[in-house]
Amino acid sequence: MRRCPKGLVRLPKVGLMQFQINLISGLMQKLARFFIISTIIALFSAQAIAAEDLAIAKLFAERGVAGTMVISSLHTGHTLIHNNLRAMKRFSPASTFKIPNTLIALEAKAITGKDDVLKWDGYQYDFPDWNRDQTLESAFKVSCVWCYQELAKRVGVKQYQHDLHKIDYGQLHMPFEVTTFWLDGSLKISAIEQVKFLKKVYLQSLPFSPSSYDILRQIMLVEQSSILSIRAKTGWATRVKPQVGWYVGYVETSKDVFFFAMNMVINDKKELPLRQQLTHEALRIKGFIE
C-alpha cells in the first residue's frame, strides 16, 4: 500500500479499479431506474394528451372543421376535450377578449356602466351595426371593435400590463400596440386557459368589484329560458393566418354550470355560424342542455 497524506488510506490499484467499477455500475442502475420511471410517466402523459371525446370529435369531422373544444363542469371539474394538442395551443383571442376587457375598463373607470355612450365618429365600417353611437352593452353584443379600441386608449398600456399579469390571462408579448394587441397576435390564450379564466369570472375570484362582475354578467347574456341561461362571446381573429374563430362562455342549469371554449380554423366567413352550432350540439349530445 502506497503512502498518502496523514489520515488517508491509498487503495491498491486493484481495489481502486473495483471501487470505480462498483460506482459506475451503481450509477448505471440508478440511471436505468430513472429511465424506466421517466418512460412510464411519458407514456401516461402521452395517453393524457391523446385523450379524445369521440362524440365531439365526430361533430367536427362531419363538418370538416379543424378545431378544438373544451367543456368543463363547475361542480365536478370533469372536463371533456376534443383535440387536446390544439386545446393547449395559444391563439389571438380576438373579441373574446371583450370579457376581461370589460372588467378592466370598468375598474379603470374608462367607462362607468352598461348604458354609458361611446360616440361614433362617422367612419363607415363594413359592419353596419357599428355605424352608430354605442353603449357598453350594445358594443359587447355587436362586437364593436372601434368601441373597445376607444376604451383601450383610456385604459392605457401600463394598466393592461398590470391587470393581465394580475388575472393570469394568456400570454402578452412586449411591446404591444394598445388598440390592437388582442387582435394582432401580441396577446394569445388557449382554449384550456379560456375555460380556467371563465371559471374565475363566474366565481368572482379575480380582483374586480362586484358591480363590474354584475355589469359583465348582464351584457354577456345571449340566451335565457326557464331551464338554462347562456352567457358567451364570439371571436374572429382575422389578422392571423390561418384565421381563427372562437366561442367561449358558460351554461347555467339547475344542476350545474358548464364552461366551454372552442376555436376553429376559419377558411371562409360563411363558416362563422359553426362556432355556436358546434358548441350547442356538443352540449346537447353530452346531455348538458336539451
Protein backbone atom coordinates (compact mmCIF):
# COMPACT_ATOMS: atom_id res chain seq x y z
CA MET A 1 0.00 0.00 0.00
CA ARG A 2 1.41 3.38 -1.01
CA ARG A 3 1.98 6.24 1.35
CA CYS A 4 -0.53 9.08 1.40
CA PRO A 5 -1.15 12.18 3.50
CA LYS A 6 -1.81 11.55 7.19
CA GLY A 7 -5.33 10.29 7.93
CA LEU A 8 -5.93 8.96 4.43
CA VAL A 9 -5.53 5.44 3.07
CA ARG A 10 -4.46 4.88 -0.51
CA LEU A 11 -6.30 1.92 -2.05
CA PRO A 12 -4.31 -0.60 -4.04
CA LYS A 13 -4.71 -0.32 -7.80
CA VAL A 14 -6.89 -3.42 -7.98
CA GLY A 15 -9.10 -2.20 -5.15
CA LEU A 16 -9.41 1.23 -6.77
CA MET A 17 -10.44 -0.29 -10.07
CA GLN A 18 -13.09 -2.45 -8.37
CA PHE A 19 -14.36 0.60 -6.47
CA GLN A 20 -14.69 2.53 -9.76
CA ILE A 21 -16.48 -0.42 -11.41
CA ASN A 22 -18.92 -0.70 -8.50
CA LEU A 23 -19.52 3.05 -8.57
CA ILE A 24 -20.19 3.07 -12.31
CA SER A 25 -22.43 0.02 -12.00
CA GLY A 26 -24.45 1.67 -9.26
CA LEU A 27 -24.84 4.83 -11.28
CA MET A 28 -25.94 2.84 -14.33
CA GLN A 29 -28.57 1.01 -12.27
CA LYS A 30 -29.91 4.34 -10.95
CA LEU A 31 -29.96 5.79 -14.47
CA ALA A 32 -31.79 2.70 -15.71
CA ARG A 33 -34.43 3.03 -12.98
CA PHE A 34 -34.76 6.76 -13.77
CA PHE A 35 -35.17 5.98 -17.47
CA ILE A 36 -37.87 3.38 -16.77
CA ILE A 37 -39.79 5.74 -14.47
CA SER A 38 -39.43 8.60 -16.96
CA THR A 39 -40.68 6.37 -19.76
CA ILE A 40 -43.73 5.31 -17.73
CA ILE A 41 -44.52 8.96 -16.92
CA ALA A 42 -44.06 9.90 -20.58
CA LEU A 43 -46.39 7.11 -21.66
CA PHE A 44 -49.08 8.21 -19.22
CA SER A 45 -48.61 11.82 -20.33
CA ALA A 46 -48.90 10.80 -23.97
CA GLN A 47 -52.12 8.96 -23.19
CA ALA A 48 -53.47 12.05 -21.42
CA ILE A 49 -52.57 14.28 -24.36
CA ALA A 50 -54.16 11.80 -26.78
CA ALA A 51 -57.40 11.64 -24.76
CA GLU A 52 -60.28 12.41 -27.10
CA ASP A 53 -64.01 12.82 -26.74
CA LEU A 54 -65.17 10.77 -29.71
CA ALA A 55 -68.70 12.17 -29.83
CA ILE A 56 -67.49 15.76 -30.06
CA ALA A 57 -64.74 14.76 -32.48
CA LYS A 58 -67.41 13.29 -34.75
CA LEU A 59 -69.24 16.63 -34.86
CA PHE A 60 -66.09 18.38 -36.09
CA ALA A 61 -65.26 15.60 -38.55
CA GLU A 62 -68.75 15.57 -40.10
CA ARG A 63 -68.38 19.26 -40.96
CA GLY A 64 -64.76 19.07 -41.98
CA VAL A 65 -63.75 21.53 -39.26
CA ALA A 66 -60.22 21.74 -37.84
CA GLY A 67 -60.56 22.96 -34.28
CA THR A 68 -60.84 22.17 -30.60
CA MET A 69 -63.45 22.23 -27.86
CA VAL A 70 -63.20 22.17 -24.07
CA ILE A 71 -66.24 21.70 -21.81
CA SER A 72 -65.81 21.62 -18.04
CA SER A 73 -68.22 21.18 -15.11
CA LEU A 74 -68.08 23.64 -12.23
CA HIS A 75 -69.29 21.17 -9.59
CA THR A 76 -67.31 18.07 -10.54
CA GLY A 77 -64.42 19.53 -12.51
CA HIS A 78 -64.98 16.81 -15.13
CA THR A 79 -63.62 18.10 -18.44
CA LEU A 80 -64.27 16.94 -21.99
CA ILE A 81 -61.79 17.81 -24.72
CA HIS A 82 -61.69 17.42 -28.46
CA ASN A 83 -58.17 17.81 -29.90
CA ASN A 84 -56.11 18.14 -26.74
CA LEU A 85 -52.99 19.42 -28.51
CA ARG A 86 -54.88 22.31 -30.10
CA ALA A 87 -56.71 22.96 -26.82
CA MET A 88 -53.34 23.76 -25.24
CA LYS A 89 -52.16 25.96 -28.13
CA ARG A 90 -52.47 29.72 -27.74
CA PHE A 91 -54.19 31.89 -30.33
CA SER A 92 -55.18 35.53 -30.59
CA PRO A 93 -58.38 35.88 -28.51
CA ALA A 94 -59.93 38.49 -30.84
CA SER A 95 -63.29 39.66 -29.50
CA THR A 96 -63.45 37.05 -26.74
CA PHE A 97 -61.05 39.46 -25.04
CA LYS A 98 -64.06 41.73 -24.54
CA ILE A 99 -64.85 39.63 -21.47
CA PRO A 100 -61.74 40.59 -19.46
CA ASN A 101 -61.52 43.93 -21.28
CA THR A 102 -64.95 44.92 -19.97
CA LEU A 103 -63.87 44.20 -16.39
CA ILE A 104 -60.58 46.06 -16.85
CA ALA A 105 -62.25 49.09 -18.44
CA LEU A 106 -64.88 49.30 -15.71
CA GLU A 107 -62.30 49.05 -12.92
CA ALA A 108 -60.12 51.69 -14.61
CA LYS A 109 -63.17 53.99 -14.88
CA ALA A 110 -62.68 54.12 -18.65
CA ILE A 111 -66.45 53.66 -18.68
CA THR A 112 -68.83 53.51 -15.73
CA GLY A 113 -71.87 51.47 -16.76
CA LYS A 114 -73.51 49.35 -19.44
CA ASP A 115 -75.58 52.29 -20.69
CA ASP A 116 -72.72 54.78 -20.99
CA VAL A 117 -72.45 56.07 -24.56
CA LEU A 118 -69.47 55.79 -26.90
CA LYS A 119 -69.80 58.38 -29.68
CA TRP A 120 -69.42 57.22 -33.27
CA ASP A 121 -67.08 59.43 -35.31
CA GLY A 122 -68.91 58.90 -38.62
CA TYR A 123 -66.42 56.49 -40.19
CA GLN A 124 -68.24 53.88 -42.29
CA TYR A 125 -67.31 50.36 -41.22
CA ASP A 126 -68.05 47.15 -43.10
CA PHE A 127 -70.32 46.08 -40.26
CA PRO A 128 -73.49 48.25 -40.33
CA ASP A 129 -74.20 47.66 -36.62
CA TRP A 130 -71.00 49.56 -35.77
CA ASN A 131 -72.02 52.71 -37.64
CA ARG A 132 -73.80 54.48 -34.80
CA ASP A 133 -73.34 55.56 -31.22
CA GLN A 134 -72.92 52.59 -28.89
CA THR A 135 -73.42 51.77 -25.25
CA LEU A 136 -71.10 49.35 -23.50
CA GLU A 137 -73.85 46.74 -23.72
CA SER A 138 -74.51 47.19 -27.44
CA ALA A 139 -70.76 47.36 -28.19
CA PHE A 140 -70.29 43.98 -26.49
CA LYS A 141 -73.23 42.36 -28.26
CA VAL A 142 -72.36 43.58 -31.79
CA SER A 143 -68.65 43.03 -31.10
CA CYS A 144 -67.80 46.63 -31.95
CA VAL A 145 -64.02 46.86 -32.39
CA TRP A 146 -63.75 50.65 -32.54
CA CYS A 147 -65.67 50.95 -29.27
CA TYR A 148 -63.25 48.79 -27.35
CA GLN A 149 -60.30 50.46 -29.06
CA GLU A 150 -61.56 53.74 -27.63
CA LEU A 151 -61.78 52.14 -24.20
CA ALA A 152 -58.26 50.72 -24.64
CA LYS A 153 -56.88 54.22 -25.21
CA ARG A 154 -58.48 55.29 -21.95
CA VAL A 155 -57.12 52.29 -20.05
CA GLY A 156 -53.54 52.58 -21.33
CA VAL A 157 -50.56 50.27 -21.77
CA LYS A 158 -49.37 50.22 -18.14
CA GLN A 159 -52.79 49.31 -16.78
CA TYR A 160 -53.12 46.41 -19.23
CA GLN A 161 -49.65 45.14 -18.34
CA HIS A 162 -50.57 45.19 -14.67
CA ASP A 163 -54.08 43.72 -14.99
CA LEU A 164 -53.30 40.95 -17.48
CA HIS A 165 -50.49 39.74 -15.24
CA LYS A 166 -52.73 40.01 -12.18
CA ILE A 167 -55.55 37.93 -13.68
CA ASP A 168 -53.17 35.47 -15.42
CA TYR A 169 -54.85 35.81 -18.80
CA GLY A 170 -52.85 34.07 -21.55
CA GLN A 171 -49.50 35.48 -22.66
CA LEU A 172 -48.81 39.09 -23.62
CA HIS A 173 -45.75 39.82 -25.76
CA MET A 174 -43.96 43.12 -25.30
CA PRO A 175 -44.02 45.72 -26.69
CA PHE A 176 -47.62 45.93 -27.89
CA GLU A 177 -49.99 48.37 -29.54
CA VAL A 178 -52.70 49.31 -27.06
CA THR A 179 -55.54 49.39 -29.61
CA THR A 180 -54.78 46.12 -31.40
CA PHE A 181 -52.89 43.74 -29.09
CA TRP A 182 -55.85 41.35 -28.69
CA LEU A 183 -56.28 41.26 -32.48
CA ASP A 184 -52.76 41.14 -33.92
CA GLY A 185 -51.29 38.19 -32.01
CA SER A 186 -49.47 40.16 -29.30
CA LEU A 187 -51.85 38.58 -26.80
CA LYS A 188 -52.56 34.85 -27.05
CA ILE A 189 -54.55 32.36 -25.00
CA SER A 190 -55.50 28.69 -25.27
CA ALA A 191 -58.95 27.13 -25.06
CA ILE A 192 -57.99 25.44 -21.79
CA GLU A 193 -56.86 28.78 -20.37
CA GLN A 194 -60.11 30.41 -21.52
CA VAL A 195 -62.12 27.89 -19.51
CA LYS A 196 -59.96 28.38 -16.41
CA PHE A 197 -60.40 32.15 -16.71
CA LEU A 198 -64.17 31.87 -17.16
CA LYS A 199 -64.45 29.80 -14.00
CA LYS A 200 -62.67 32.55 -12.08
CA VAL A 201 -65.01 35.14 -13.59
CA TYR A 202 -68.07 33.10 -12.60
CA LEU A 203 -66.78 32.58 -9.06
CA GLN A 204 -65.76 36.26 -8.87
CA SER A 205 -62.34 35.24 -7.56
CA LEU A 206 -60.45 37.85 -9.60
CA PRO A 207 -59.67 41.29 -8.13
CA PHE A 208 -62.64 43.16 -9.63
CA SER A 209 -65.55 44.83 -7.89
CA PRO A 210 -68.99 43.19 -7.55
CA SER A 211 -70.52 45.94 -9.71
CA SER A 212 -68.09 45.20 -12.57
CA TYR A 213 -68.93 41.50 -12.41
CA ASP A 214 -72.64 42.32 -12.38
CA ILE A 215 -72.39 44.53 -15.49
CA LEU A 216 -70.40 41.88 -17.35
CA ARG A 217 -72.90 39.20 -16.37
CA GLN A 218 -75.73 41.30 -17.79
CA ILE A 219 -74.11 42.08 -21.15
CA MET A 220 -72.81 38.52 -21.69
CA LEU A 221 -76.31 37.02 -21.71
CA VAL A 222 -77.18 35.53 -25.11
CA GLU A 223 -79.94 33.06 -24.24
CA GLN A 224 -82.28 32.53 -21.30
CA SER A 225 -85.18 30.22 -20.56
CA SER A 226 -86.87 28.64 -17.54
CA ILE A 227 -84.28 25.85 -17.50
CA LEU A 228 -80.99 27.48 -18.52
CA SER A 229 -79.08 30.62 -19.35
CA ILE A 230 -76.09 31.02 -21.67
CA ARG A 231 -73.50 33.77 -21.34
CA ALA A 232 -70.92 33.83 -24.07
CA LYS A 233 -68.81 35.75 -26.58
CA THR A 234 -67.72 35.04 -30.13
CA GLY A 235 -64.37 35.99 -31.62
CA TRP A 236 -62.86 36.12 -35.10
CA ALA A 237 -59.11 36.65 -35.42
CA THR A 238 -58.70 37.93 -38.98
CA ARG A 239 -55.19 39.36 -38.67
CA VAL A 240 -53.54 35.97 -38.13
CA LYS A 241 -53.07 33.13 -40.63
CA PRO A 242 -54.93 30.88 -40.70
CA GLN A 243 -57.84 32.85 -39.30
CA VAL A 244 -59.29 31.63 -36.00
CA GLY A 245 -62.92 31.62 -34.86
CA TRP A 246 -63.81 31.47 -31.16
CA TYR A 247 -66.86 30.84 -28.99
CA VAL A 248 -66.40 30.91 -25.21
CA GLY A 249 -68.76 31.15 -22.27
CA TYR A 250 -70.83 29.09 -19.87
CA VAL A 251 -74.24 27.47 -19.48
CA GLU A 252 -76.07 27.67 -16.15
CA THR A 253 -78.61 24.94 -15.42
CA SER A 254 -80.42 23.95 -12.24
CA LYS A 255 -77.89 21.15 -11.68
CA ASP A 256 -74.53 22.58 -12.73
CA VAL A 257 -72.60 25.20 -14.67
CA PHE A 258 -70.74 24.08 -17.79
CA PHE A 259 -67.91 26.23 -19.13
CA PHE A 260 -66.89 25.96 -22.76
CA ALA A 261 -64.26 27.27 -25.14
CA MET A 262 -63.93 26.30 -28.76
CA ASN A 263 -61.79 27.59 -31.57
CA MET A 264 -61.56 26.58 -35.19
CA VAL A 265 -59.81 27.40 -38.43
CA ILE A 266 -61.90 29.84 -40.47
CA ASN A 267 -61.41 29.49 -44.23
CA ASP A 268 -64.48 31.50 -45.20
CA LYS A 269 -66.78 33.83 -43.26
CA LYS A 270 -69.66 31.51 -44.15
CA GLU A 271 -68.18 29.11 -41.59
CA LEU A 272 -68.59 31.57 -38.70
CA PRO A 273 -72.01 30.25 -37.55
CA LEU A 274 -70.38 26.88 -36.92
CA ARG A 275 -68.78 28.32 -33.79
CA GLN A 276 -72.11 28.44 -31.98
CA GLN A 277 -73.67 25.49 -33.80
CA LEU A 278 -70.90 23.06 -32.89
CA THR A 279 -70.88 24.24 -29.28
CA HIS A 280 -74.64 23.87 -28.86
CA GLU A 281 -74.62 20.44 -30.50
CA ALA A 282 -71.75 19.27 -28.29
CA LEU A 283 -73.53 20.46 -25.15
CA ARG A 284 -76.69 18.72 -26.32
CA ILE A 285 -75.21 15.33 -27.22
CA LYS A 286 -73.36 15.24 -23.88
CA GLY A 287 -76.68 15.84 -22.11
CA PHE A 288 -75.79 19.22 -20.62
CA ILE A 289 -78.63 21.03 -22.40
CA GLU A 290 -81.83 19.81 -24.07
